[in-house]
Amino acid sequence: MEDGAWRREVVVRRHPRAKYVRLKIHRPGRVEVVVPPGFDERDLPAILDHHSAWVDERLGRFDAPHGPQAALFSRPTEFNLQAIDEQWRLEYRPRSGGRNGCREFAPGQLAITAEHDTERRELLRGWLQRRAKERLPAWLRETSRELELPFTGVTIRGQRSRWGSCSAAGNINLNYGLLFLPPDLVRYLFVHELCHTVHLNHSLRYWALVQSKEPHYKILERALKQAAHVVPAWLHQPFGG
């Protein structure tokens, strides 16, 4: 499909329980926008403009050839970790008798040494997870002290569908994909999970606590729910040359 052509056939569906605008892509390339009952459709063009690159990329997957190569993405040459204000460039090196590895060889530059793309992607994912372990727990502890909401422990993982979670024991799990998000959304995710150390649900009392810690939580909650497109597709899908 030609980039942007999908706009002419967008389906808008009002959902009585929707609290925010959500874009959904259906095969073979239909774009649906789910909106709250009071949504003003005059705001729709600006929303579609904001998400147009993401929609074009997703629709491009339907147009791609079927088969093992259909899910491949180009090897990334650079990426931006907005959360910690870091820009990284990638260099791919062949393995010549040594070990696979991913290391910083200059400020802001990573070298990935491996023979196959599957190995290269796993090395890059491993590096991102380590970088998140270096930066996110300290940030979470700082936010915890600021809000006076203690937690028990923190782990860093790479889930596909959750930015974070909190257990009944007060252990918080963070997705290392948070590194790609703007700092204000990462901090809000911390607020969201830390408030679960008091209320392990989404009750009215829980949201009242969230609001007391972050008055603009509704805007941030909405933005966080729509932030998945910020994370590069290769984080969870294979990439090739």
Protein backbone atom coordinates (compact mmCIF):
# COMPACT_ATOMS: atom_id res chain seq x y z
CA MET A 1 0.00 0.00 0.00
CA GLU A 2 1.24 3.49 -0.86
CA ASP A 3 2.42 5.38 2.25
CA GLY A 4 -0.47 7.45 3.63
CA ALA A 5 -3.12 5.88 1.37
CA TRP A 6 -4.64 4.14 4.41
CA ARG A 7 -5.94 7.51 5.69
CA ARG A 8 -8.77 7.44 3.16
CA GLU A 9 -10.19 4.23 4.66
CA VAL A 10 -9.66 4.73 8.39
CA VAL A 11 -12.51 3.32 10.46
CA VAL A 12 -13.41 5.25 13.63
CA ARG A 13 -15.16 3.21 16.32
CA ARG A 14 -16.49 4.75 19.52
CA HIS A 15 -16.23 2.41 22.50
CA PRO A 16 -18.30 3.17 25.63
CA ARG A 17 -15.50 2.07 27.97
CA ALA A 18 -12.56 3.55 26.03
CA LYS A 19 -10.58 6.10 28.03
CA TYR A 20 -8.03 7.05 25.38
CA VAL A 21 -7.51 6.90 21.61
CA ARG A 22 -6.07 3.61 20.34
CA LEU A 23 -4.95 2.65 16.82
CA LYS A 24 -5.42 -0.95 15.67
CA ILE A 25 -4.11 -2.57 12.49
CA HIS A 26 -6.11 -5.45 11.02
CA ARG A 27 -5.24 -7.77 8.16
CA PRO A 28 -5.06 -7.25 5.27
CA GLY A 29 -4.28 -3.62 6.11
CA ARG A 30 -7.36 -1.98 7.65
CA VAL A 31 -6.69 0.82 10.15
CA GLU A 32 -9.17 1.24 13.00
CA VAL A 33 -9.16 4.08 15.53
CA VAL A 34 -10.93 3.27 18.79
CA VAL A 35 -12.02 6.46 20.60
CA PRO A 36 -13.87 7.39 23.83
CA PRO A 37 -17.55 8.42 23.58
CA GLY A 38 -16.82 12.15 23.83
CA PHE A 39 -13.99 12.22 21.31
CA ASP A 40 -13.92 15.24 18.98
CA GLU A 41 -13.22 13.92 15.47
CA ARG A 42 -11.66 17.25 14.55
CA ASP A 43 -8.64 16.01 16.56
CA LEU A 44 -8.30 12.92 14.36
CA PRO A 45 -6.01 14.38 11.63
CA ALA A 46 -3.42 15.46 14.21
CA ILE A 47 -3.47 12.00 15.82
CA LEU A 48 -3.03 10.28 12.45
CA ASP A 49 -0.15 12.65 11.61
CA HIS A 50 1.56 11.76 14.89
CA HIS A 51 1.32 8.00 14.27
CA SER A 52 1.66 7.95 10.47
CA ALA A 53 5.22 6.53 10.42
CA TRP A 54 4.21 3.71 12.78
CA VAL A 55 1.12 2.86 10.71
CA ASP A 56 3.09 2.90 7.44
CA GLU A 57 5.69 0.55 8.94
CA ARG A 58 3.05 -1.89 10.24
CA LEU A 59 1.13 -1.89 6.96
CA GLY A 60 4.40 -2.48 5.12
CA ARG A 61 4.67 -5.83 6.87
CA PHE A 62 1.43 -6.97 5.21
CA ASP A 63 2.76 -5.96 1.79
CA ALA A 64 6.08 -7.78 2.30
CA PRO A 65 6.63 -11.22 0.71
CA HIS A 66 5.59 -14.25 2.74
CA GLY A 67 8.10 -16.79 3.94
CA PRO A 68 11.11 -16.88 6.32
CA GLN A 69 12.49 -13.52 5.12
CA ALA A 70 9.21 -11.65 5.53
CA ALA A 71 9.84 -10.77 9.19
CA LEU A 72 13.41 -9.54 8.72
CA PHE A 73 14.30 -5.94 9.49
CA SER A 74 17.42 -4.16 8.32
CA ARG A 75 20.29 -4.31 10.77
CA PRO A 76 20.18 -1.15 12.87
CA THR A 77 23.12 1.19 12.36
CA GLU A 78 22.20 3.54 15.20
CA PHE A 79 19.61 4.01 17.90
CA ASN A 80 18.60 6.61 20.46
CA LEU A 81 18.04 5.79 24.13
CA GLN A 82 15.83 8.77 24.96
CA ALA A 83 15.37 7.78 28.59
CA ILE A 84 19.05 8.30 29.41
CA ASP A 85 19.91 10.75 26.61
CA GLU A 86 22.30 8.46 24.74
CA GLN A 87 22.84 8.07 21.00
CA TRP A 88 24.65 4.90 19.85
CA ARG A 89 26.13 3.89 16.51
CA LEU A 90 26.66 0.24 15.58
CA GLU A 91 29.49 -1.43 13.72
CA TYR A 92 29.26 -5.08 12.66
CA ARG A 93 32.48 -7.07 12.60
CA PRO A 94 33.05 -10.62 11.35
CA ARG A 95 34.20 -13.20 13.83
CA SER A 96 37.69 -14.41 12.96
CA GLY A 97 38.52 -17.13 15.43
CA GLY A 98 37.56 -15.08 18.49
CA ARG A 99 34.43 -15.01 20.62
CA ASN A 100 31.11 -13.35 19.91
CA GLY A 101 30.67 -10.07 21.69
CA CYS A 102 29.10 -6.61 21.88
CA ARG A 103 31.35 -3.91 23.33
CA GLU A 104 31.84 -0.18 23.40
CA PHE A 105 34.99 0.67 21.45
CA ALA A 106 34.55 4.47 21.50
CA PRO A 107 32.12 6.90 23.16
CA GLY A 108 28.67 6.23 21.72
CA GLN A 109 29.90 3.42 19.44
CA LEU A 110 29.27 -0.30 19.75
CA ALA A 111 31.00 -3.14 17.91
CA ILE A 112 29.09 -6.40 17.48
CA THR A 113 31.21 -9.40 16.60
CA ALA A 114 29.31 -12.48 15.46
CA GLU A 115 28.81 -14.72 12.45
CA HIS A 116 25.02 -14.81 12.16
CA ASP A 117 22.30 -12.16 12.42
CA THR A 118 20.45 -14.16 15.06
CA GLU A 119 23.56 -14.00 17.24
CA ARG A 120 24.03 -10.29 16.51
CA ARG A 121 20.50 -9.44 17.60
CA GLU A 122 20.80 -11.45 20.81
CA LEU A 123 24.11 -9.74 21.61
CA LEU A 124 22.53 -6.34 21.10
CA ARG A 125 19.52 -7.27 23.24
CA GLY A 126 21.88 -8.50 25.96
CA TRP A 127 23.81 -5.22 25.86
CA LEU A 128 20.57 -3.23 26.15
CA GLN A 129 19.49 -5.29 29.13
CA ARG A 130 22.83 -4.68 30.85
CA ARG A 131 22.62 -0.95 30.10
CA ALA A 132 19.14 -0.87 31.61
CA LYS A 133 20.43 -2.66 34.74
CA GLU A 134 23.12 -0.01 35.06
CA ARG A 135 20.73 2.93 34.84
CA LEU A 136 17.11 2.09 35.64
CA PRO A 137 17.32 0.62 39.19
CA ALA A 138 19.13 3.68 40.59
CA TRP A 139 16.56 5.93 38.93
CA LEU A 140 13.74 3.84 40.41
CA ARG A 141 15.30 4.04 43.89
CA GLU A 142 15.60 7.81 43.59
CA THR A 143 11.93 8.07 42.60
CA SER A 144 10.99 5.72 45.43
CA ARG A 145 12.70 7.97 48.00
CA GLU A 146 11.14 11.08 46.47
CA LEU A 147 7.61 9.63 46.65
CA GLU A 148 8.17 7.82 49.97
CA LEU A 149 6.99 4.56 48.41
CA PRO A 150 9.52 1.81 49.21
CA PHE A 151 9.84 -1.38 47.18
CA THR A 152 11.55 -4.70 47.84
CA GLY A 153 13.61 -5.41 44.73
CA VAL A 154 13.90 -4.77 41.01
CA THR A 155 14.54 -6.97 37.98
CA ILE A 156 15.09 -6.02 34.33
CA ARG A 157 13.53 -8.13 31.59
CA GLY A 158 12.42 -7.88 27.97
CA GLN A 159 8.68 -8.53 27.84
CA ARG A 160 6.73 -7.79 24.68
CA SER A 161 3.51 -6.52 26.25
CA ARG A 162 4.33 -4.85 29.58
CA TRP A 163 6.47 -1.87 30.51
CA GLY A 164 6.58 -3.03 34.11
CA SER A 165 4.84 -4.91 36.89
CA CYS A 166 4.79 -5.16 40.67
CA SER A 167 4.35 -8.31 42.73
CA ALA A 168 2.52 -8.71 46.02
CA ALA A 169 5.92 -8.86 47.72
CA GLY A 170 6.84 -5.41 46.39
CA ASN A 171 9.23 -6.61 43.71
CA ILE A 172 9.17 -4.42 40.62
CA ASN A 173 9.95 -5.71 37.14
CA LEU A 174 11.01 -3.24 34.44
CA ASN A 175 11.17 -3.74 30.69
CA TYR A 176 14.53 -2.69 29.23
CA GLY A 177 12.59 -1.29 26.26
CA LEU A 178 11.92 1.66 28.57
CA LEU A 179 15.33 2.97 27.52
CA PHE A 180 13.78 4.05 24.21
CA LEU A 181 11.02 6.13 25.84
CA PRO A 182 11.14 9.82 26.82
CA PRO A 183 12.25 10.38 30.45
CA ASP A 184 8.86 11.70 31.59
CA LEU A 185 7.15 8.46 30.54
CA VAL A 186 9.78 6.31 32.25
CA ARG A 187 9.40 8.26 35.47
CA TYR A 188 5.63 7.92 35.23
CA LEU A 189 5.96 4.15 34.80
CA PHE A 190 8.00 4.16 38.02
CA VAL A 191 5.23 6.12 39.77
CA HIS A 192 2.62 3.70 38.41
CA GLU A 193 4.44 0.60 39.69
CA LEU A 194 5.50 2.12 43.02
CA CYS A 195 1.87 2.95 43.78
CA HIS A 196 1.12 -0.75 43.28
CA THR A 197 3.24 -1.45 46.35
CA VAL A 198 0.30 0.07 48.29
CA HIS A 199 -2.65 -1.02 46.13
CA LEU A 200 -2.08 -4.10 43.99
CA ASN A 201 -5.01 -3.24 41.72
CA HIS A 202 -6.44 -0.38 39.67
CA SER A 203 -9.11 0.67 42.16
CA LEU A 204 -10.26 4.23 42.78
CA ARG A 205 -7.95 4.36 45.82
CA TYR A 206 -5.03 3.31 43.63
CA TRP A 207 -5.66 6.06 41.08
CA ALA A 208 -6.16 8.60 43.87
CA LEU A 209 -2.69 7.68 45.15
CA VAL A 210 -1.23 7.97 41.66
CA GLN A 211 -2.79 11.42 41.26
CA SER A 212 -1.37 12.54 44.59
CA LYS A 213 2.12 11.60 43.38
CA GLU A 214 1.69 12.72 39.75
CA PRO A 215 -1.11 15.26 39.09
CA HIS A 216 -0.76 14.90 35.29
CA TYR A 217 -1.06 11.12 35.38
CA LYS A 218 -3.98 10.92 32.92
CA ILE A 219 -1.97 12.53 30.12
CA LEU A 220 1.09 10.41 30.91
CA GLU A 221 -0.93 7.20 31.22
CA ARG A 222 -2.45 7.84 27.80
CA ALA A 223 0.95 8.57 26.25
CA LEU A 224 2.49 5.46 27.83
CA LYS A 225 -0.24 3.24 26.39
CA GLN A 226 0.55 4.59 22.92
CA ALA A 227 4.36 4.49 23.25
CA ALA A 228 5.03 1.00 21.90
CA HIS A 229 5.81 2.40 18.43
CA VAL A 230 8.86 4.20 19.88
CA VAL A 231 10.60 0.87 20.50
CA PRO A 232 12.35 -0.34 17.31
CA ALA A 233 10.82 -3.43 15.71
CA TRP A 234 14.16 -5.29 15.69
CA LEU A 235 14.10 -5.50 19.48
CA HIS A 236 11.59 -8.34 19.25
CA GLN A 237 11.91 -9.43 15.62
CA PRO A 238 14.81 -10.89 13.58
CA PHE A 239 16.96 -8.57 11.51
CA GLY A 240 19.13 -9.21 8.51
CA GLY A 241 21.54 -7.50 6.15
